[in-house]
Amino acid sequence: MNRINIEFASSSSGTAPCGTPWDTTGNNHFRDQIIRPDLSSRRYSCPSGETWVRIVPALLGSRNWMLGVHALTYANGQHSHAKTIGSGTKSVFDKAQSWFMLNRPEALYSKANRSGYNLQTKPLCLCWIIVHENGKTVARLLQASGFSGYTGSKGFTPGLGHQIWQLAHERDEHGDLVADLIDHANGLQLCIRKDQPSGSRYPTYSLRRGQGPAPMGKILEQMDPAEISALTRLEDVVYLPDEETEWKILGNIIGRDTVSKIRAAHP
């Protein structure tokens, strides 16, 4: 009788804490790198139903209470384009877009080629919010779509971030601000309702303002010092990979050989 030898993996492979057999493998994990790694745990995910939040006014030195993010999104992740912070700043993705337009335009994403390389940005936004979690008042980063939607027959609705911006700037029939949602002393709470009917690919959001003022001073009194110290300028929250890291990301999308050709054309 012939003996069959079977080789087993090392014991560490079978006993490592890797979750369950049904968990997504690391290769399929979506790496959202919009927010700095040390602050990424503060990214807020709205639960289904209604959630009341208080938007944090612009911090000293910040351009606004909401930061428009130019996001470069690909199959397994996304990160911020440098123009999020500096107007006119270029990315290696811009160099790749120019190269493809000149040499292989058919390889780029278009209505006729949905599987092409999409090297252009999409609108996201960031803002600090204060929310109650597990009996505590905490600071969280709301990262939301800045998509403005279409007004045509497709009926696409605006993203959550764009809806919040619209509500904060809503004017009455006299051209006056309906309510100052953001003011540090007289600003209001905001109710975010999230619904996702069975079978729907994406959730929908609806908003409404609170009735009375929610002064930031009183809210800060309810927070632990660590939560308050986490609040920093939105411009300092965004993670921007260096150029070499971006080239590596791009190589995973379009192939290293193509990246070499692009780099040779843009020394």
Protein backbone atom coordinates (compact mmCIF):
# COMPACT_ATOMS: atom_id res chain seq x y z
CA MET A 1 0.00 0.00 0.00
CA ASN A 2 1.45 3.34 -1.06
CA ARG A 3 1.63 5.96 1.63
CA ILE A 4 0.41 9.44 0.67
CA ASN A 5 2.23 12.36 2.29
CA ILE A 6 0.22 15.45 3.11
CA GLU A 7 1.89 18.75 3.94
CA PHE A 8 0.18 20.94 6.51
CA ALA A 9 0.50 24.66 7.03
CA SER A 10 2.42 25.86 10.07
CA SER A 11 0.41 25.81 13.29
CA SER A 12 0.43 29.59 13.48
CA SER A 13 -1.59 29.80 10.24
CA GLY A 14 -4.43 27.80 11.71
CA THR A 15 -4.53 29.41 15.13
CA ALA A 16 -4.05 33.08 14.29
CA PRO A 17 -7.02 35.31 15.25
CA CYS A 18 -8.32 35.89 11.73
CA GLY A 19 -12.07 36.20 12.40
CA THR A 20 -14.42 33.71 10.82
CA PRO A 21 -14.26 31.80 7.52
CA TRP A 22 -16.92 34.13 6.13
CA ASP A 23 -14.98 37.34 6.69
CA THR A 24 -13.73 39.22 3.65
CA THR A 25 -10.10 38.50 2.84
CA GLY A 26 -7.50 41.22 3.12
CA ASN A 27 -7.13 41.45 -0.65
CA ASN A 28 -10.73 42.57 -0.99
CA HIS A 29 -10.64 45.05 1.87
CA PHE A 30 -11.58 48.61 0.91
CA ARG A 31 -8.95 50.99 2.30
CA ASP A 32 -10.55 54.35 2.95
CA GLN A 33 -7.62 56.72 3.44
CA ILE A 34 -9.42 60.06 3.33
CA ILE A 35 -8.82 60.65 7.03
CA ARG A 36 -5.46 60.48 8.79
CA PRO A 37 -4.85 56.99 10.25
CA ASP A 38 -4.68 58.26 13.84
CA LEU A 39 -8.12 59.86 13.46
CA SER A 40 -9.79 57.25 11.25
CA SER A 41 -11.46 55.61 14.25
CA ARG A 42 -13.47 58.82 14.63
CA ARG A 43 -15.11 58.41 11.23
CA TYR A 44 -18.85 58.35 11.90
CA SER A 45 -21.22 55.90 10.28
CA CYS A 46 -24.85 56.96 10.59
CA PRO A 47 -27.03 54.16 11.92
CA SER A 48 -30.46 53.46 10.45
CA GLY A 49 -33.23 55.63 11.84
CA GLU A 50 -32.83 59.07 13.39
CA THR A 51 -29.66 60.49 14.92
CA TRP A 52 -29.29 63.94 16.45
CA VAL A 53 -25.93 65.64 15.98
CA ARG A 54 -24.41 69.07 16.51
CA ILE A 55 -22.15 70.34 13.75
CA VAL A 56 -18.96 71.90 15.10
CA PRO A 57 -18.31 75.45 13.83
CA ALA A 58 -15.09 76.22 11.97
CA LEU A 59 -12.08 75.94 14.25
CA LEU A 60 -9.52 78.73 14.45
CA GLY A 61 -7.40 78.79 11.29
CA SER A 62 -9.79 76.60 9.30
CA ARG A 63 -11.39 77.78 6.06
CA ASN A 64 -14.87 76.58 6.93
CA TRP A 65 -16.90 74.19 9.09
CA MET A 66 -17.13 71.81 6.13
CA LEU A 67 -14.19 70.79 3.97
CA GLY A 68 -14.77 69.80 0.38
CA VAL A 69 -12.68 66.71 -0.39
CA HIS A 70 -11.57 65.75 -3.90
CA ALA A 71 -11.46 61.97 -3.60
CA LEU A 72 -9.59 59.59 -5.90
CA THR A 73 -11.54 56.34 -5.74
CA TYR A 74 -10.56 52.94 -7.11
CA ALA A 75 -11.55 49.29 -6.71
CA ASN A 76 -9.98 48.67 -3.30
CA GLY A 77 -9.74 52.10 -1.75
CA GLN A 78 -9.71 55.87 -1.95
CA HIS A 79 -7.60 58.82 -0.84
CA SER A 80 -7.65 62.59 -1.09
CA HIS A 81 -6.26 64.48 -4.06
CA ALA A 82 -3.74 67.13 -3.01
CA LYS A 83 -5.99 69.90 -4.38
CA THR A 84 -8.24 69.25 -1.39
CA ILE A 85 -5.78 71.36 0.59
CA GLY A 86 -3.94 73.36 -2.04
CA SER A 87 -5.73 74.79 -5.05
CA GLY A 88 -4.04 73.89 -8.32
CA THR A 89 -1.85 71.18 -6.76
CA LYS A 90 -1.28 68.22 -9.09
CA SER A 91 -1.38 64.50 -8.37
CA VAL A 92 0.28 61.61 -10.18
CA PHE A 93 -3.26 60.65 -11.16
CA ASP A 94 -3.41 63.89 -13.18
CA LYS A 95 -0.22 62.89 -14.99
CA ALA A 96 -1.73 59.49 -15.74
CA GLN A 97 -4.96 61.07 -16.99
CA SER A 98 -2.99 63.30 -19.38
CA TRP A 99 -0.90 60.37 -20.62
CA PHE A 100 -3.95 58.21 -21.31
CA MET A 101 -5.74 61.07 -23.08
CA LEU A 102 -2.74 61.38 -25.40
CA ASN A 103 -1.82 57.72 -25.87
CA ARG A 104 -4.72 55.45 -24.95
CA PRO A 105 -7.95 57.46 -24.55
CA GLU A 106 -10.04 54.34 -25.15
CA ALA A 107 -8.74 52.87 -21.87
CA LEU A 108 -10.28 55.64 -19.76
CA TYR A 109 -13.67 55.46 -18.09
CA SER A 110 -16.55 56.89 -20.12
CA LYS A 111 -20.25 56.30 -20.72
CA ALA A 112 -19.21 53.97 -23.52
CA ASN A 113 -16.57 52.23 -21.41
CA ARG A 114 -17.79 51.74 -17.87
CA SER A 115 -14.90 49.41 -17.08
CA GLY A 116 -12.22 51.93 -18.06
CA TYR A 117 -9.78 53.60 -15.68
CA ASN A 118 -11.49 56.38 -13.75
CA LEU A 119 -8.64 58.65 -12.65
CA GLN A 120 -10.73 61.73 -11.88
CA THR A 121 -11.98 62.84 -8.49
CA LYS A 122 -15.42 62.62 -6.94
CA PRO A 123 -16.80 65.05 -4.34
CA LEU A 124 -16.77 64.13 -0.68
CA CYS A 125 -16.86 66.33 2.39
CA LEU A 126 -15.76 66.29 6.00
CA CYS A 127 -17.11 68.03 9.07
CA TRP A 128 -16.81 67.56 12.79
CA ILE A 129 -19.96 66.59 14.64
CA ILE A 130 -20.82 66.05 18.29
CA VAL A 131 -23.00 63.02 18.94
CA HIS A 132 -24.09 60.88 21.90
CA GLU A 133 -22.70 57.33 21.90
CA ASN A 134 -23.10 54.80 24.69
CA GLY A 135 -24.03 57.48 27.19
CA LYS A 136 -21.11 59.76 26.28
CA THR A 137 -20.85 62.96 24.26
CA VAL A 138 -18.14 62.41 21.68
CA ALA A 139 -16.47 64.12 18.71
CA ARG A 140 -16.78 62.33 15.38
CA LEU A 141 -15.84 63.04 11.76
CA LEU A 142 -18.72 62.87 9.33
CA GLN A 143 -17.40 61.86 5.90
CA ALA A 144 -20.19 62.14 3.35
CA SER A 145 -20.86 62.46 -0.34
CA GLY A 146 -20.76 65.95 -1.79
CA PHE A 147 -22.59 64.79 -4.92
CA SER A 148 -25.10 67.48 -5.90
CA GLY A 149 -27.46 65.10 -7.72
CA TYR A 150 -29.20 65.50 -11.05
CA THR A 151 -32.34 67.47 -11.70
CA GLY A 152 -33.20 65.45 -14.78
CA SER A 153 -35.39 62.40 -15.24
CA LYS A 154 -32.84 60.08 -13.60
CA GLY A 155 -33.90 61.46 -10.25
CA PHE A 156 -30.58 61.03 -8.46
CA THR A 157 -30.73 62.57 -4.98
CA PRO A 158 -27.92 64.74 -3.58
CA GLY A 159 -25.41 63.16 -1.21
CA LEU A 160 -25.70 63.63 2.53
CA GLY A 161 -22.90 66.20 2.66
CA HIS A 162 -24.49 68.31 -0.06
CA GLN A 163 -27.88 68.12 1.68
CA ILE A 164 -26.35 69.38 4.93
CA TRP A 165 -24.65 72.26 3.10
CA GLN A 166 -27.92 73.19 1.39
CA LEU A 167 -29.89 73.13 4.65
CA ALA A 168 -27.27 75.29 6.42
CA HIS A 169 -27.57 77.90 3.64
CA GLU A 170 -31.32 77.77 3.06
CA ARG A 171 -32.91 81.20 2.49
CA ASP A 172 -36.48 82.37 2.99
CA GLU A 173 -38.59 84.43 0.59
CA HIS A 174 -36.80 87.62 1.74
CA GLY A 175 -33.35 86.21 1.08
CA ASP A 176 -32.57 85.84 4.77
CA LEU A 177 -30.99 82.78 6.32
CA VAL A 178 -33.77 80.54 7.64
CA ALA A 179 -31.69 79.45 10.62
CA ASP A 180 -28.02 79.58 11.55
CA LEU A 181 -27.32 75.90 11.93
CA ILE A 182 -23.65 76.33 12.76
CA ASP A 183 -23.23 79.37 15.05
CA HIS A 184 -21.32 78.44 18.20
CA ALA A 185 -23.85 80.11 20.50
CA ASN A 186 -27.18 79.89 18.65
CA GLY A 187 -26.65 76.98 16.27
CA LEU A 188 -29.12 74.13 16.19
CA GLN A 189 -28.95 70.38 16.42
CA LEU A 190 -29.48 68.44 13.23
CA CYS A 191 -31.50 65.26 12.86
CA ILE A 192 -30.17 62.85 10.24
CA ARG A 193 -32.58 60.11 9.23
CA LYS A 194 -31.11 57.18 7.36
CA ASP A 195 -33.30 54.70 5.50
CA GLN A 196 -32.30 51.74 3.38
CA PRO A 197 -35.25 49.71 2.14
CA SER A 198 -34.69 46.02 1.55
CA GLY A 199 -33.10 45.45 -1.84
CA SER A 200 -31.79 49.02 -2.16
CA ARG A 201 -28.11 49.36 -2.95
CA TYR A 202 -27.67 52.75 -1.30
CA PRO A 203 -29.30 54.40 1.72
CA THR A 204 -31.29 57.63 1.53
CA TYR A 205 -31.05 60.52 3.97
CA SER A 206 -33.46 63.19 5.14
CA LEU A 207 -32.69 66.10 7.44
CA ARG A 208 -34.49 68.41 9.82
CA ARG A 209 -33.39 71.13 12.20
CA GLY A 210 -33.87 71.15 15.94
CA GLN A 211 -36.07 73.80 17.55
CA GLY A 212 -33.91 75.47 20.19
CA PRO A 213 -30.29 76.63 20.30
CA ALA A 214 -27.59 74.09 21.20
CA PRO A 215 -24.69 76.27 22.47
CA MET A 216 -21.29 74.71 21.91
CA GLY A 217 -20.11 75.92 25.32
CA LYS A 218 -22.64 73.75 27.16
CA ILE A 219 -21.95 70.78 24.91
CA LEU A 220 -18.19 71.00 25.52
CA GLU A 221 -18.86 70.94 29.28
CA GLN A 222 -20.34 67.45 28.83
CA MET A 223 -17.31 66.07 27.00
CA ASP A 224 -14.16 64.38 28.27
CA PRO A 225 -10.94 66.36 27.72
CA ALA A 226 -9.70 63.70 25.26
CA GLU A 227 -12.75 64.28 23.08
CA ILE A 228 -12.25 68.03 23.06
CA SER A 229 -8.53 67.78 22.31
CA ALA A 230 -9.31 65.56 19.30
CA LEU A 231 -10.96 68.49 17.55
CA THR A 232 -8.50 69.90 15.03
CA ARG A 233 -8.65 71.88 11.79
CA LEU A 234 -10.27 69.93 9.00
CA GLU A 235 -7.34 70.76 6.76
CA ASP A 236 -5.14 68.82 9.22
CA VAL A 237 -7.51 65.85 9.34
CA VAL A 238 -7.06 64.85 5.69
CA TYR A 239 -4.46 62.23 4.82
CA LEU A 240 -2.35 63.01 1.75
CA PRO A 241 -0.05 60.20 0.58
CA ASP A 242 3.36 61.22 -0.73
CA GLU A 243 4.16 60.99 -4.44
CA GLU A 244 5.90 57.59 -4.29
CA THR A 245 2.96 56.09 -2.41
CA GLU A 246 0.61 57.44 -5.04
CA TRP A 247 2.70 55.89 -7.81
CA LYS A 248 2.42 52.52 -6.04
CA ILE A 249 -1.35 52.92 -5.71
CA LEU A 250 -1.57 53.84 -9.38
CA GLY A 251 0.56 50.81 -10.31
CA ASN A 252 -1.97 48.53 -8.63
CA ILE A 253 -4.69 50.07 -10.79
CA ILE A 254 -3.15 50.39 -14.24
CA GLY A 255 -0.11 48.11 -14.00
CA ARG A 256 3.52 48.84 -13.20
CA ASP A 257 4.65 48.76 -16.82
CA THR A 258 2.21 51.51 -17.73
CA VAL A 259 3.29 53.52 -14.70
CA SER A 260 6.89 53.29 -15.90
CA LYS A 261 5.89 54.73 -19.27
CA ILE A 262 3.98 57.58 -17.63
CA ARG A 263 6.88 58.40 -15.29
CA ALA A 264 9.27 58.45 -18.25
CA ALA A 265 6.98 60.94 -19.98
CA HIS A 266 6.67 63.09 -16.82
CA PRO A 267 10.15 63.09 -15.23
